[in-house]
PDB file of N, CA and C in Angstrom:
ATOM      1  N   UNK A   1      19.313   5.087   0.174  1.00  0.00           N
ATOM      2  CA  UNK A   1      19.258   6.294  -0.137  1.00  0.00           C
ATOM      3  C   UNK A   1      21.108   5.475  -0.377  1.00  0.00           C
ATOM      4  N   UNK A   2      21.121   6.502  -1.515  1.00  0.00           N
ATOM      5  CA  UNK A   2      22.747   6.714  -2.541  1.00  0.00           C
ATOM      6  C   UNK A   2      23.556   5.698  -2.412  1.00  0.00           C
ATOM      7  N   UNK A   3      22.524   4.505  -3.170  1.00  0.00           N
ATOM      8  CA  UNK A   3      22.894   3.388  -2.855  1.00  0.00           C
ATOM      9  C   UNK A   3      23.258   2.214  -1.592  1.00  0.00           C
ATOM     10  N   UNK A   4      23.189   3.081  -1.100  1.00  0.00           N
ATOM     11  CA  UNK A   4      22.530   2.520   0.696  1.00  0.00           C
ATOM     12  C   UNK A   4      21.078   1.555   1.337  1.00  0.00           C
ATOM     13  N   UNK A   5      21.462   0.261   1.089  1.00  0.00           N
ATOM     14  CA  UNK A   5      19.516  -0.662   1.412  1.00  0.00           C
ATOM     15  C   UNK A   5      19.845  -0.278   3.164  1.00  0.00           C
ATOM     16  N   UNK A   6      18.733  -0.053   3.616  1.00  0.00           N
ATOM     17  CA  UNK A   6      18.737  -0.167   5.044  1.00  0.00           C
ATOM     18  C   UNK A   6      17.076  -0.702   5.114  1.00  0.00           C
ATOM     19  N   UNK A   7      16.257  -0.747   6.496  1.00  0.00           N
ATOM     20  CA  UNK A   7      15.546  -1.424   6.795  1.00  0.00           C
ATOM     21  C   UNK A   7      14.918   0.017   7.290  1.00  0.00           C
ATOM     22  N   UNK A   8      13.682   0.653   6.737  1.00  0.00           N
ATOM     23  CA  UNK A   8      12.894   1.213   7.730  1.00  0.00           C
ATOM     24  C   UNK A   8      12.348   0.859   8.513  1.00  0.00           C
ATOM     25  N   UNK A   9      11.838   0.773   9.942  1.00  0.00           N
ATOM     26  CA  UNK A   9      11.141   0.111  11.143  1.00  0.00           C
ATOM     27  C   UNK A   9       9.965   0.175  10.752  1.00  0.00           C
ATOM     28  N   UNK A  10       8.994  -0.869  11.294  1.00  0.00           N
ATOM     29  CA  UNK A  10       7.753  -0.195  10.962  1.00  0.00           C
ATOM     30  C   UNK A  10       7.206   0.660  12.237  1.00  0.00           C
ATOM     31  N   UNK A  11       6.041   1.549  11.325  1.00  0.00           N
ATOM     32  CA  UNK A  11       5.290   2.208  12.079  1.00  0.00           C
ATOM     33  C   UNK A  11       6.303   4.006  12.657  1.00  0.00           C
ATOM     34  N   UNK A  12       7.621   3.822  11.499  1.00  0.00           N
ATOM     35  CA  UNK A  12       8.191   4.702  12.069  1.00  0.00           C
ATOM     36  C   UNK A  12       9.131   5.351  10.738  1.00  0.00           C
ATOM     37  N   UNK A  13       8.935   6.899  10.828  1.00  0.00           N
ATOM     38  CA  UNK A  13       9.557   7.362   9.308  1.00  0.00           C
ATOM     39  C   UNK A  13      11.425   7.776  10.345  1.00  0.00           C
ATOM     40  N   UNK A  14      12.110   7.186  10.693  1.00  0.00           N
ATOM     41  CA  UNK A  14      13.103   7.735  11.002  1.00  0.00           C
ATOM     42  C   UNK A  14      14.061   6.217  11.053  1.00  0.00           C
ATOM     43  N   UNK A  15      15.274   6.147  10.236  1.00  0.00           N
ATOM     44  CA  UNK A  15      16.335   4.901  10.803  1.00  0.00           C
ATOM     45  C   UNK A  15      17.390   5.382  10.980  1.00  0.00           C
ATOM     46  N   UNK A  16      17.263   4.697  12.765  1.00  0.00           N
ATOM     47  CA  UNK A  16      18.253   4.614  13.736  1.00  0.00           C
ATOM     48  C   UNK A  16      19.759   3.774  13.261  1.00  0.00           C
ATOM     49  N   UNK A  17      19.703   2.915  12.192  1.00  0.00           N
ATOM     50  CA  UNK A  17      20.483   1.810  12.536  1.00  0.00           C
ATOM     51  C   UNK A  17      21.871   2.260  11.813  1.00  0.00           C
ATOM     52  N   UNK A  18      22.591   2.243  13.678  1.00  0.00           N
ATOM     53  CA  UNK A  18      23.977   3.082  13.046  1.00  0.00           C
ATOM     54  C   UNK A  18      24.731   2.910  11.794  1.00  0.00           C
ATOM     55  N   UNK A  19      24.868   1.325  11.283  1.00  0.00           N
ATOM     56  CA  UNK A  19      25.679   0.584  10.132  1.00  0.00           C
ATOM     57  C   UNK A  19      25.210   2.151   8.852  1.00  0.00           C
ATOM     58  N   UNK A  20      23.967   1.269   8.866  1.00  0.00           N
ATOM     59  CA  UNK A  20      23.315   2.164   7.516  1.00  0.00           C
ATOM     60  C   UNK A  20      23.353   3.890   7.720  1.00  0.00           C
ATOM     61  N   UNK A  21      23.589   4.738   8.631  1.00  0.00           N
ATOM     62  CA  UNK A  21      23.898   5.755   8.979  1.00  0.00           C
ATOM     63  C   UNK A  21      25.069   5.876   8.335  1.00  0.00           C
ATOM     64  N   UNK A  22      26.276   5.894   8.840  1.00  0.00           N
ATOM     65  CA  UNK A  22      27.683   5.229   9.041  1.00  0.00           C
ATOM     66  C   UNK A  22      27.548   5.405   7.080  1.00  0.00           C
ATOM     67  N   UNK A  23      26.773   4.058   6.713  1.00  0.00           N
ATOM     68  CA  UNK A  23      27.637   3.788   5.054  1.00  0.00           C
ATOM     69  C   UNK A  23      26.641   5.731   4.120  1.00  0.00           C
ATOM     70  N   UNK A  24      25.181   5.464   4.656  1.00  0.00           N
ATOM     71  CA  UNK A  24      25.267   6.926   4.349  1.00  0.00           C
ATOM     72  C   UNK A  24      25.638   8.505   4.614  1.00  0.00           C
ATOM     73  N   UNK A  25      26.459   8.374   5.629  1.00  0.00           N
ATOM     74  CA  UNK A  25      27.038   9.700   5.594  1.00  0.00           C
ATOM     75  C   UNK A  25      28.877   9.491   5.153  1.00  0.00           C
ATOM     76  N   UNK A  26      28.986   8.704   4.518  1.00  0.00           N
ATOM     77  CA  UNK A  26      30.672   8.010   4.199  1.00  0.00           C
ATOM     78  C   UNK A  26      30.491   8.092   2.439  1.00  0.00           C
ATOM     79  N   UNK A  27      29.043   8.254   2.091  1.00  0.00           N
ATOM     80  CA  UNK A  27      29.174   8.434   0.463  1.00  0.00           C
ATOM     81  C   UNK A  27      29.027   9.678   0.269  1.00  0.00           C
ATOM     82  N   UNK A  28      30.058  10.239  -0.527  1.00  0.00           N
ATOM     83  CA  UNK A  28      30.472  11.163  -1.666  1.00  0.00           C
ATOM     84  C   UNK A  28      29.331  12.433  -1.965  1.00  0.00           C
ATOM     85  N   UNK A  29      28.062  11.413  -2.678  1.00  0.00           N
ATOM     86  CA  UNK A  29      27.138  12.568  -2.891  1.00  0.00           C
ATOM     87  C   UNK A  29      26.672  13.331  -1.530  1.00  0.00           C
ATOM     88  N   UNK A  30      26.258  12.525  -0.222  1.00  0.00           N
ATOM     89  CA  UNK A  30      25.961  12.766   1.278  1.00  0.00           C
ATOM     90  C   UNK A  30      26.868  13.824   1.697  1.00  0.00           C
ATOM     91  N   UNK A  31      28.452  13.429   1.750  1.00  0.00           N
ATOM     92  CA  UNK A  31      29.588  14.371   1.746  1.00  0.00           C
ATOM     93  C   UNK A  31      29.394  16.184   1.440  1.00  0.00           C
ATOM     94  N   UNK A  32      29.267  15.769   0.099  1.00  0.00           N
ATOM     95  CA  UNK A  32      29.555  17.007  -0.781  1.00  0.00           C
ATOM     96  C   UNK A  32      28.703  17.931  -0.894  1.00  0.00           C
ATOM     97  N   UNK A  33      27.409  17.317   0.384  1.00  0.00           N
ATOM     98  CA  UNK A  33      26.155  18.818  -0.011  1.00  0.00           C
ATOM     99  C   UNK A  33      26.416  19.440   1.147  1.00  0.00           C
ATOM    100  N   UNK A  34      25.596  20.714   1.511  1.00  0.00           N
ATOM    101  CA  UNK A  34      25.995  21.555   2.654  1.00  0.00           C
ATOM    102  C   UNK A  34      24.814  21.141   3.606  1.00  0.00           C
ATOM    103  N   UNK A  35      25.010  21.523   4.326  1.00  0.00           N
ATOM    104  CA  UNK A  35      24.542  21.851   5.925  1.00  0.00           C
ATOM    105  C   UNK A  35      22.544  21.783   5.837  1.00  0.00           C
ATOM    106  N   UNK A  36      22.471  23.126   5.630  1.00  0.00           N
ATOM    107  CA  UNK A  36      21.263  23.450   4.887  1.00  0.00           C
ATOM    108  C   UNK A  36      20.585  22.302   3.994  1.00  0.00           C
ATOM    109  N   UNK A  37      21.676  22.002   2.737  1.00  0.00           N
ATOM    110  CA  UNK A  37      20.097  21.019   1.859  1.00  0.00           C
ATOM    111  C   UNK A  37      20.176  20.247   3.092  1.00  0.00           C
ATOM    112  N   UNK A  38      20.690  19.454   3.685  1.00  0.00           N
ATOM    113  CA  UNK A  38      20.609  18.100   4.637  1.00  0.00           C
ATOM    114  C   UNK A  38      19.541  18.118   5.651  1.00  0.00           C
ATOM    115  N   UNK A  39      19.465  20.021   6.373  1.00  0.00           N
ATOM    116  CA  UNK A  39      18.736  20.148   6.974  1.00  0.00           C
ATOM    117  C   UNK A  39      17.498  19.681   6.523  1.00  0.00           C
ATOM    118  N   UNK A  40      16.856  20.198   4.954  1.00  0.00           N
ATOM    119  CA  UNK A  40      16.066  20.672   4.535  1.00  0.00           C
ATOM    120  C   UNK A  40      15.278  19.171   4.076  1.00  0.00           C
ATOM    121  N   UNK A  41      15.975  18.407   4.322  1.00  0.00           N
ATOM    122  CA  UNK A  41      15.302  16.863   4.457  1.00  0.00           C
ATOM    123  C   UNK A  41      16.817  15.971   3.483  1.00  0.00           C
ATOM    124  N   UNK A  42      16.587  14.519   2.666  1.00  0.00           N
ATOM    125  CA  UNK A  42      17.123  13.936   2.097  1.00  0.00           C
ATOM    126  C   UNK A  42      15.841  12.886   0.738  1.00  0.00           C
ATOM    127  N   UNK A  43      15.809  12.754  -0.318  1.00  0.00           N
ATOM    128  CA  UNK A  43      15.231  12.014  -0.641  1.00  0.00           C
ATOM    129  C   UNK A  43      15.685  10.252  -0.316  1.00  0.00           C
ATOM    130  N   UNK A  44      14.712   9.683  -0.424  1.00  0.00           N
ATOM    131  CA  UNK A  44      15.673   8.031  -0.265  1.00  0.00           C
ATOM    132  C   UNK A  44      14.157   7.398  -1.261  1.00  0.00           C
ATOM    133  N   UNK A  45      14.305   6.344  -1.465  1.00  0.00           N
ATOM    134  CA  UNK A  45      13.644   5.133  -2.332  1.00  0.00           C
ATOM    135  C   UNK A  45      13.171   4.267  -1.009  1.00  0.00           C
ATOM    136  N   UNK A  46      11.751   4.109  -1.621  1.00  0.00           N
ATOM    137  CA  UNK A  46      11.640   2.970   0.533  1.00  0.00           C
ATOM    138  C   UNK A  46      10.217   1.727  -0.567  1.00  0.00           C
ATOM    139  N   UNK A  47      10.671   1.026  -0.592  1.00  0.00           N
ATOM    140  CA  UNK A  47      10.112  -0.241  -1.264  1.00  0.00           C
ATOM    141  C   UNK A  47      10.151  -1.410  -0.298  1.00  0.00           C
ATOM    142  N   UNK A  48       8.577  -2.321  -0.391  1.00  0.00           N
ATOM    143  CA  UNK A  48       8.281  -3.344   0.722  1.00  0.00           C
ATOM    144  C   UNK A  48       9.499  -4.295  -0.340  1.00  0.00           C
ATOM    145  N   UNK A  49       9.924  -5.035   1.275  1.00  0.00           N
ATOM    146  CA  UNK A  49      10.535  -5.992   1.731  1.00  0.00           C
ATOM    147  C   UNK A  49      10.840  -7.316   0.467  1.00  0.00           C
ATOM    148  N   UNK A  50       9.063  -7.694  -0.016  1.00  0.00           N
ATOM    149  CA  UNK A  50       8.662  -8.526  -0.555  1.00  0.00           C
ATOM    150  C   UNK A  50       7.422  -7.989  -1.169  1.00  0.00           C
ATOM    151  N   UNK A  51       7.405  -8.088  -2.445  1.00  0.00           N
ATOM    152  CA  UNK A  51       6.462  -7.610  -3.348  1.00  0.00           C
ATOM    153  C   UNK A  51       4.071  -8.347  -3.037  1.00  0.00           C
ATOM    154  N   UNK A  52       3.643  -7.161  -2.671  1.00  0.00           N
ATOM    155  CA  UNK A  52       2.272  -6.960  -2.918  1.00  0.00           C
ATOM    156  C   UNK A  52       1.448  -7.406  -3.915  1.00  0.00           C
ATOM    157  N   UNK A  53       0.672  -8.584  -3.773  1.00  0.00           N
ATOM    158  CA  UNK A  53      -0.057  -8.673  -5.383  1.00  0.00           C
ATOM    159  C   UNK A  53      -1.553  -7.684  -4.683  1.00  0.00           C
ATOM    160  N   UNK A  54      -2.035  -6.687  -5.330  1.00  0.00           N
ATOM    161  CA  UNK A  54      -3.306  -5.640  -4.992  1.00  0.00           C
ATOM    162  C   UNK A  54      -4.448  -5.640  -5.874  1.00  0.00           C
ATOM    163  N   UNK A  55      -4.748  -4.985  -5.990  1.00  0.00           N
ATOM    164  CA  UNK A  55      -5.799  -4.966  -6.829  1.00  0.00           C
ATOM    165  C   UNK A  55      -6.056  -2.820  -6.337  1.00  0.00           C
ATOM    166  N   UNK A  56      -6.200  -2.494  -7.530  1.00  0.00           N
ATOM    167  CA  UNK A  56      -6.726  -1.140  -7.252  1.00  0.00           C
ATOM    168  C   UNK A  56      -8.332  -1.196  -7.343  1.00  0.00           C
ATOM    169  N   UNK A  57      -9.333  -0.332  -6.960  1.00  0.00           N
ATOM    170  CA  UNK A  57     -10.135  -0.744  -6.979  1.00  0.00           C
ATOM    171  C   UNK A  57     -10.658   1.232  -6.313  1.00  0.00           C
ATOM    172  N   UNK A  58     -12.152   1.496  -6.822  1.00  0.00           N
ATOM    173  CA  UNK A  58     -12.678   2.569  -6.709  1.00  0.00           C
ATOM    174  C   UNK A  58     -12.869   2.843  -5.050  1.00  0.00           C
ATOM    175  N   UNK A  59     -12.330   3.649  -4.357  1.00  0.00           N
ATOM    176  CA  UNK A  59     -12.666   4.215  -3.278  1.00  0.00           C
ATOM    177  C   UNK A  59     -14.180   3.027  -2.602  1.00  0.00           C
ATOM    178  N   UNK A  60     -15.027   3.728  -3.088  1.00  0.00           N
ATOM    179  CA  UNK A  60     -16.122   3.755  -3.221  1.00  0.00           C
ATOM    180  C   UNK A  60     -16.473   1.710  -3.170  1.00  0.00           C
ATOM    181  N   UNK A  61     -16.076   0.745  -3.967  1.00  0.00           N
ATOM    182  CA  UNK A  61     -16.201  -0.809  -4.014  1.00  0.00           C
ATOM    183  C   UNK A  61     -15.730  -1.256  -2.774  1.00  0.00           C
ATOM    184  N   UNK A  62     -15.300  -0.654  -1.499  1.00  0.00           N
ATOM    185  CA  UNK A  62     -14.962  -1.494  -0.539  1.00  0.00           C
ATOM    186  C   UNK A  62     -15.848  -0.887   0.215  1.00  0.00           C
ATOM    187  N   UNK A  63     -16.551  -1.799   0.966  1.00  0.00           N
ATOM    188  CA  UNK A  63     -17.991  -1.701   1.537  1.00  0.00           C
ATOM    189  C   UNK A  63     -17.436  -2.518   3.476  1.00  0.00           C
ATOM    190  N   UNK A  64     -18.252  -1.924   4.329  1.00  0.00           N
ATOM    191  CA  UNK A  64     -18.579  -2.916   5.354  1.00  0.00           C
ATOM    192  C   UNK A  64     -16.850  -3.216   5.834  1.00  0.00           C
ATOM    193  N   UNK A  65     -16.635  -1.606   5.686  1.00  0.00           N
ATOM    194  CA  UNK A  65     -14.758  -1.461   6.313  1.00  0.00           C
ATOM    195  C   UNK A  65     -15.306  -1.693   8.358  1.00  0.00           C
ATOM    196  N   UNK A  66     -13.749  -2.423   8.584  1.00  0.00           N
ATOM    197  CA  UNK A  66     -13.841  -2.433   9.867  1.00  0.00           C
ATOM    198  C   UNK A  66     -12.108  -2.585  10.184  1.00  0.00           C
ATOM    199  N   UNK A  67     -11.754  -1.249  10.998  1.00  0.00           N
ATOM    200  CA  UNK A  67     -10.123  -1.107  10.280  1.00  0.00           C
ATOM    201  C   UNK A  67      -9.342  -1.192   9.235  1.00  0.00           C
ATOM    202  N   UNK A  68      -8.842  -1.743   8.560  1.00  0.00           N
ATOM    203  CA  UNK A  68      -7.871  -2.725   7.780  1.00  0.00           C
ATOM    204  C   UNK A  68      -8.523  -3.295   6.920  1.00  0.00           C
ATOM    205  N   UNK A  69      -9.640  -4.124   7.273  1.00  0.00           N
ATOM    206  CA  UNK A  69     -10.139  -4.974   6.599  1.00  0.00           C
ATOM    207  C   UNK A  69     -12.147  -4.831   6.124  1.00  0.00           C
ATOM    208  N   UNK A  70     -12.321  -5.630   4.681  1.00  0.00           N
ATOM    209  CA  UNK A  70     -13.471  -5.021   4.049  1.00  0.00           C
ATOM    210  C   UNK A  70     -13.899  -5.757   3.265  1.00  0.00           C
ATOM    211  N   UNK A  71     -14.637  -5.284   2.163  1.00  0.00           N
ATOM    212  CA  UNK A  71     -15.200  -6.229   1.535  1.00  0.00           C
ATOM    213  C   UNK A  71     -15.349  -5.704  -0.535  1.00  0.00           C
ATOM    214  N   UNK A  72     -15.362  -6.601  -0.904  1.00  0.00           N
ATOM    215  CA  UNK A  72     -15.343  -6.211  -1.935  1.00  0.00           C
ATOM    216  C   UNK A  72     -16.424  -6.828  -3.018  1.00  0.00           C
ATOM    217  N   UNK A  73     -17.332  -6.480  -4.172  1.00  0.00           N
ATOM    218  CA  UNK A  73     -17.826  -8.157  -4.498  1.00  0.00           C
ATOM    219  C   UNK A  73     -17.043  -7.992  -6.252  1.00  0.00           C
ATOM    220  N   UNK A  74     -16.797  -8.715  -6.526  1.00  0.00           N
ATOM    221  CA  UNK A  74     -16.505  -8.683  -8.293  1.00  0.00           C
ATOM    222  C   UNK A  74     -17.683  -8.813  -8.907  1.00  0.00           C
ATOM    223  N   UNK A  75     -17.372  -7.953 -10.005  1.00  0.00           N
ATOM    224  CA  UNK A  75     -18.725  -8.252 -11.279  1.00  0.00           C
ATOM    225  C   UNK A  75     -17.991  -9.298 -12.647  1.00  0.00           C
ATOM    226  N   UNK A  76     -19.291  -9.590 -12.389  1.00  0.00           N
ATOM    227  CA  UNK A  76     -19.389 -10.477 -13.602  1.00  0.00           C
ATOM    228  C   UNK A  76     -20.711 -10.855 -14.436  1.00  0.00           C
ATOM    229  N   UNK A  77     -20.065 -11.148 -15.526  1.00  0.00           N
ATOM    230  CA  UNK A  77     -21.737 -11.593 -16.319  1.00  0.00           C
ATOM    231  C   UNK A  77     -22.350 -12.662 -15.604  1.00  0.00           C
ATOM    232  N   UNK A  78     -22.401 -13.892 -14.740  1.00  0.00           N
ATOM    233  CA  UNK A  78     -23.120 -14.397 -14.087  1.00  0.00           C
ATOM    234  C   UNK A  78     -23.105 -14.148 -12.941  1.00  0.00           C
ATOM    235  N   UNK A  79     -23.022 -13.014 -12.006  1.00  0.00           N
ATOM    236  CA  UNK A  79     -22.606 -12.360 -10.948  1.00  0.00           C
ATOM    237  C   UNK A  79     -23.857 -13.101  -9.848  1.00  0.00           C
ATOM    238  N   UNK A  80     -23.155 -13.200  -9.126  1.00  0.00           N
ATOM    239  CA  UNK A  80     -23.058 -13.550  -7.759  1.00  0.00           C
ATOM    240  C   UNK A  80     -23.946 -12.844  -6.764  1.00  0.00           C
ATOM    241  N   UNK A  81     -22.977 -11.996  -6.868  1.00  0.00           N
ATOM    242  CA  UNK A  81     -22.787 -10.982  -5.969  1.00  0.00           C
ATOM    243  C   UNK A  81     -22.592 -11.580  -4.534  1.00  0.00           C
ATOM    244  N   UNK A  82     -21.366 -12.202  -4.738  1.00  0.00           N
ATOM    245  CA  UNK A  82     -21.063 -12.840  -2.837  1.00  0.00           C
ATOM    246  C   UNK A  82     -19.742 -11.685  -2.860  1.00  0.00           C
ATOM    247  N   UNK A  83     -19.487 -11.033  -1.683  1.00  0.00           N
ATOM    248  CA  UNK A  83     -18.704 -10.581  -1.185  1.00  0.00           C
ATOM    249  C   UNK A  83     -17.750 -11.422  -0.740  1.00  0.00           C
ATOM    250  N   UNK A  84     -16.337 -10.968  -1.257  1.00  0.00           N
ATOM    251  CA  UNK A  84     -14.387 -10.851  -1.353  1.00  0.00           C
ATOM    252  C   UNK A  84     -14.427 -10.332  -0.491  1.00  0.00           C
ATOM    253  N   UNK A  85     -13.592 -11.353   0.729  1.00  0.00           N
ATOM    254  CA  UNK A  85     -12.795 -10.294   2.282  1.00  0.00           C
ATOM    255  C   UNK A  85     -12.230  -9.366   1.502  1.00  0.00           C
ATOM    256  N   UNK A  86     -11.563  -8.215   2.170  1.00  0.00           N
ATOM    257  CA  UNK A  86     -10.172  -7.591   1.956  1.00  0.00           C
ATOM    258  C   UNK A  86      -9.558  -6.879   2.632  1.00  0.00           C
ATOM    259  N   UNK A  87      -8.522  -7.350   2.480  1.00  0.00           N
ATOM    260  CA  UNK A  87      -7.340  -6.697   3.910  1.00  0.00           C
ATOM    261  C   UNK A  87      -6.627  -4.335   2.792  1.00  0.00           C
ATOM    262  N   UNK A  88      -7.357  -3.659   3.326  1.00  0.00           N
ATOM    263  CA  UNK A  88      -6.706  -2.862   2.841  1.00  0.00           C
ATOM    264  C   UNK A  88      -5.287  -2.399   2.994  1.00  0.00           C
ATOM    265  N   UNK A  89      -4.622  -2.473   1.838  1.00  0.00           N
ATOM    266  CA  UNK A  89      -2.858  -1.610   2.426  1.00  0.00           C
ATOM    267  C   UNK A  89      -2.978  -0.079   1.892  1.00  0.00           C
ATOM    268  N   UNK A  90      -3.412   0.498   1.590  1.00  0.00           N
ATOM    269  CA  UNK A  90      -3.564   1.237   0.973  1.00  0.00           C
ATOM    270  C   UNK A  90      -4.022   2.050   0.013  1.00  0.00           C
ATOM    271  N   UNK A  91      -4.800   3.848   0.020  1.00  0.00           N
ATOM    272  CA  UNK A  91      -4.822   4.808  -0.511  1.00  0.00           C
ATOM    273  C   UNK A  91      -4.525   6.214  -1.125  1.00  0.00           C
ATOM    274  N   UNK A  92      -5.418   6.254  -1.633  1.00  0.00           N
ATOM    275  CA  UNK A  92      -5.339   7.581  -2.585  1.00  0.00           C
ATOM    276  C   UNK A  92      -5.784   8.068  -3.308  1.00  0.00           C
ATOM    277  N   UNK A  93      -6.476   9.371  -3.844  1.00  0.00           N
ATOM    278  CA  UNK A  93      -7.096  10.246  -4.859  1.00  0.00           C
ATOM    279  C   UNK A  93      -7.934   9.028  -5.026  1.00  0.00           C
ATOM    280  N   UNK A  94      -8.949   8.839  -4.257  1.00  0.00           N
ATOM    281  CA  UNK A  94     -10.262   7.914  -4.875  1.00  0.00           C
ATOM    282  C   UNK A  94     -10.467   6.662  -4.756  1.00  0.00           C
ATOM    283  N   UNK A  95      -8.886   5.429  -4.855  1.00  0.00           N
ATOM    284  CA  UNK A  95      -8.453   4.930  -5.376  1.00  0.00           C
ATOM    285  C   UNK A  95      -8.137   3.853  -3.602  1.00  0.00           C
ATOM    286  N   UNK A  96      -8.982   2.738  -3.502  1.00  0.00           N
ATOM    287  CA  UNK A  96      -7.993   1.894  -2.480  1.00  0.00           C
ATOM    288  C   UNK A  96      -6.881   0.576  -3.006  1.00  0.00           C
ATOM    289  N   UNK A  97      -6.226   0.380  -2.346  1.00  0.00           N
ATOM    290  CA  UNK A  97      -5.354  -0.687  -2.592  1.00  0.00           C
ATOM    291  C   UNK A  97      -6.078  -1.509  -1.791  1.00  0.00           C
ATOM    292  N   UNK A  98      -5.740  -3.082  -2.583  1.00  0.00           N
ATOM    293  CA  UNK A  98      -6.881  -3.912  -1.343  1.00  0.00           C
ATOM    294  C   UNK A  98      -6.083  -5.314  -1.572  1.00  0.00           C
ATOM    295  N   UNK A  99      -6.024  -6.480  -1.160  1.00  0.00           N
ATOM    296  CA  UNK A  99      -5.502  -7.541  -1.118  1.00  0.00           C
ATOM    297  C   UNK A  99      -6.491  -8.373  -0.818  1.00  0.00           C
ATOM    298  N   UNK A 100      -6.623  -9.941  -1.334  1.00  0.00           N
ATOM    299  CA  UNK A 100      -8.420 -10.055  -1.045  1.00  0.00           C
ATOM    300  C   UNK A 100      -7.270 -11.702   0.020  1.00  0.00           C
ATOM    301  N   UNK A 101      -8.758 -11.711   0.836  1.00  0.00           N
ATOM    302  CA  UNK A 101      -7.638 -13.168   1.561  1.00  0.00           C
ATOM    303  C   UNK A 101      -8.357 -14.162   0.838  1.00  0.00           C
ATOM    304  N   UNK A 102      -9.061 -14.527   0.451  1.00  0.00           N
ATOM    305  CA  UNK A 102      -9.500 -16.004  -0.343  1.00  0.00           C
ATOM    306  C   UNK A 102     -10.415 -15.691  -1.683  1.00  0.00           C
ATOM    307  N   UNK A 103      -9.826 -14.792  -2.813  1.00  0.00           N
ATOM    308  CA  UNK A 103     -10.402 -14.963  -4.479  1.00  0.00           C
ATOM    309  C   UNK A 103      -8.876 -14.417  -5.151  1.00  0.00           C
ATOM    310  N   UNK A 104      -8.915 -15.163  -6.170  1.00  0.00           N
ATOM    311  CA  UNK A 104      -8.440 -15.446  -6.677  1.00  0.00           C
ATOM    312  C   UNK A 104      -7.915 -13.272  -7.756  1.00  0.00           C
ATOM    313  N   UNK A 105      -6.593 -13.208  -7.586  1.00  0.00           N
ATOM    314  CA  UNK A 105      -6.712 -11.725  -7.606  1.00  0.00           C
ATOM    315  C   UNK A 105      -6.917 -12.017  -9.140  1.00  0.00           C
ATOM    316  N   UNK A 106      -6.148 -12.800  -9.982  1.00  0.00           N
ATOM    317  CA  UNK A 106      -6.263 -12.501 -11.459  1.00  0.00           C
ATOM    318  C   UNK A 106      -7.635 -12.427 -11.945  1.00  0.00           C
ATOM    319  N   UNK A 107      -8.602 -13.229 -11.631  1.00  0.00           N
ATOM    320  CA  UNK A 107     -10.250 -13.309 -11.520  1.00  0.00           C
ATOM    321  C   UNK A 107     -10.335 -12.299 -12.157  1.00  0.00           C
ATOM    322  N   UNK A 108     -10.693 -11.310 -10.838  1.00  0.00           N
ATOM    323  CA  UNK A 108     -11.311  -9.900 -10.622  1.00  0.00           C
ATOM    324  C   UNK A 108     -10.384  -8.814 -11.525  1.00  0.00           C
ATOM    325  N   UNK A 109     -11.483  -8.857 -12.601  1.00  0.00           N
ATOM    326  CA  UNK A 109     -10.965  -7.438 -13.237  1.00  0.00           C
ATOM    327  C   UNK A 109     -12.438  -6.586 -13.463  1.00  0.00           C
ATOM    328  N   UNK A 110     -13.451  -6.553 -13.082  1.00  0.00           N
ATOM    329  CA  UNK A 110     -14.273  -4.994 -12.993  1.00  0.00           C
ATOM    330  C   UNK A 110     -14.922  -5.761 -11.319  1.00  0.00           C
ATOM    331  N   UNK A 111     -15.454  -4.702 -10.843  1.00  0.00           N
ATOM    332  CA  UNK A 111     -16.047  -4.653  -8.957  1.00  0.00           C
ATOM    333  C   UNK A 111     -16.906  -4.068  -9.357  1.00  0.00           C
ATOM    334  N   UNK A 112     -18.436  -4.248  -8.114  1.00  0.00           N
ATOM    335  CA  UNK A 112     -19.554  -3.287  -8.462  1.00  0.00           C
ATOM    336  C   UNK A 112     -18.923  -2.235  -6.996  1.00  0.00           C
ATOM    337  N   UNK A 113     -20.346  -0.775  -7.747  1.00  0.00           N
ATOM    338  CA  UNK A 113     -19.854  -0.100  -7.289  1.00  0.00           C
ATOM    339  C   UNK A 113     -21.821   0.775  -6.576  1.00  0.00           C
ATOM    340  N   UNK A 114     -22.085   1.793  -5.787  1.00  0.00           N
ATOM    341  CA  UNK A 114     -22.803   2.731  -5.897  1.00  0.00           C
ATOM    342  C   UNK A 114     -23.900   1.345  -5.699  1.00  0.00           C
ATOM    343  N   UNK A 115     -24.717   1.252  -6.096  1.00  0.00           N
ATOM    344  CA  UNK A 115     -26.606   0.654  -6.153  1.00  0.00           C
ATOM    345  C   UNK A 115     -25.965  -0.852  -6.088  1.00  0.00           C
ATOM    346  N   UNK A 116     -25.026  -1.534  -6.480  1.00  0.00           N
ATOM    347  CA  UNK A 116     -24.722  -3.222  -6.509  1.00  0.00           C
ATOM    348  C   UNK A 116     -24.666  -3.116  -5.404  1.00  0.00           C
ATOM    349  N   UNK A 117     -24.192  -2.296  -4.272  1.00  0.00           N
ATOM    350  CA  UNK A 117     -23.779  -3.026  -2.741  1.00  0.00           C
ATOM    351  C   UNK A 117     -25.105  -3.307  -1.874  1.00  0.00           C
ATOM    352  N   UNK A 118     -25.945  -2.793  -2.506  1.00  0.00           N
ATOM    353  CA  UNK A 118     -27.195  -2.224  -1.702  1.00  0.00           C
ATOM    354  C   UNK A 118     -27.166  -4.054  -0.983  1.00  0.00           C
ATOM    355  N   UNK A 119     -28.217  -3.688   0.396  1.00  0.00           N
ATOM    356  CA  UNK A 119     -27.873  -4.979   0.965  1.00  0.00           C
ATOM    357  C   UNK A 119     -27.265  -5.692   1.093  1.00  0.00           C
ATOM    358  N   UNK A 120     -25.923  -5.756   0.934  1.00  0.00           N
ATOM    359  CA  UNK A 120     -24.693  -7.139   1.003  1.00  0.00           C
ATOM    360  C   UNK A 120     -24.373  -6.442   2.269  1.00  0.00           C
ATOM    361  N   UNK A 121     -23.843  -7.820   3.068  1.00  0.00           N
ATOM    362  CA  UNK A 121     -22.819  -7.777   4.368  1.00  0.00           C
ATOM    363  C   UNK A 121     -21.941  -8.578   3.939  1.00  0.00           C
ATOM    364  N   UNK A 122     -20.705  -7.425   4.217  1.00  0.00           N
ATOM    365  CA  UNK A 122     -19.738  -8.133   4.858  1.00  0.00           C
ATOM    366  C   UNK A 122     -19.639  -8.745   5.846  1.00  0.00           C
ATOM    367  N   UNK A 123     -19.349 -10.481   5.956  1.00  0.00           N
ATOM    368  CA  UNK A 123     -18.819 -10.889   6.719  1.00  0.00           C
ATOM    369  C   UNK A 123     -17.426 -11.782   6.651  1.00  0.00           C
TER     370      UNK A 123
END
């Protein structure tokens, strides 16, 4: 925020780290804002400390969901229809962002949806 980096604690939307707050409040841009602008909220960029490699798949491709775990079925010409365990790390507008647990993400270009999932079990 305003060139100052901090850590957003897990499961929180507030940063209470005194040093971070001191550094932001000392920033020229922050100091030049009127109180009404500050009360309206401040913009910041949030990024993961370490990047995650994820697949972006249609939400309907994830089945057998239990909490944040589920399965997808990679689609290929020699399809074995073997489910792959995934962890759901995000979703929006009809897509899910998933991490595979035991599969090479770069080898998955397409996934089964709809009737291609009939009768499959996520273990």
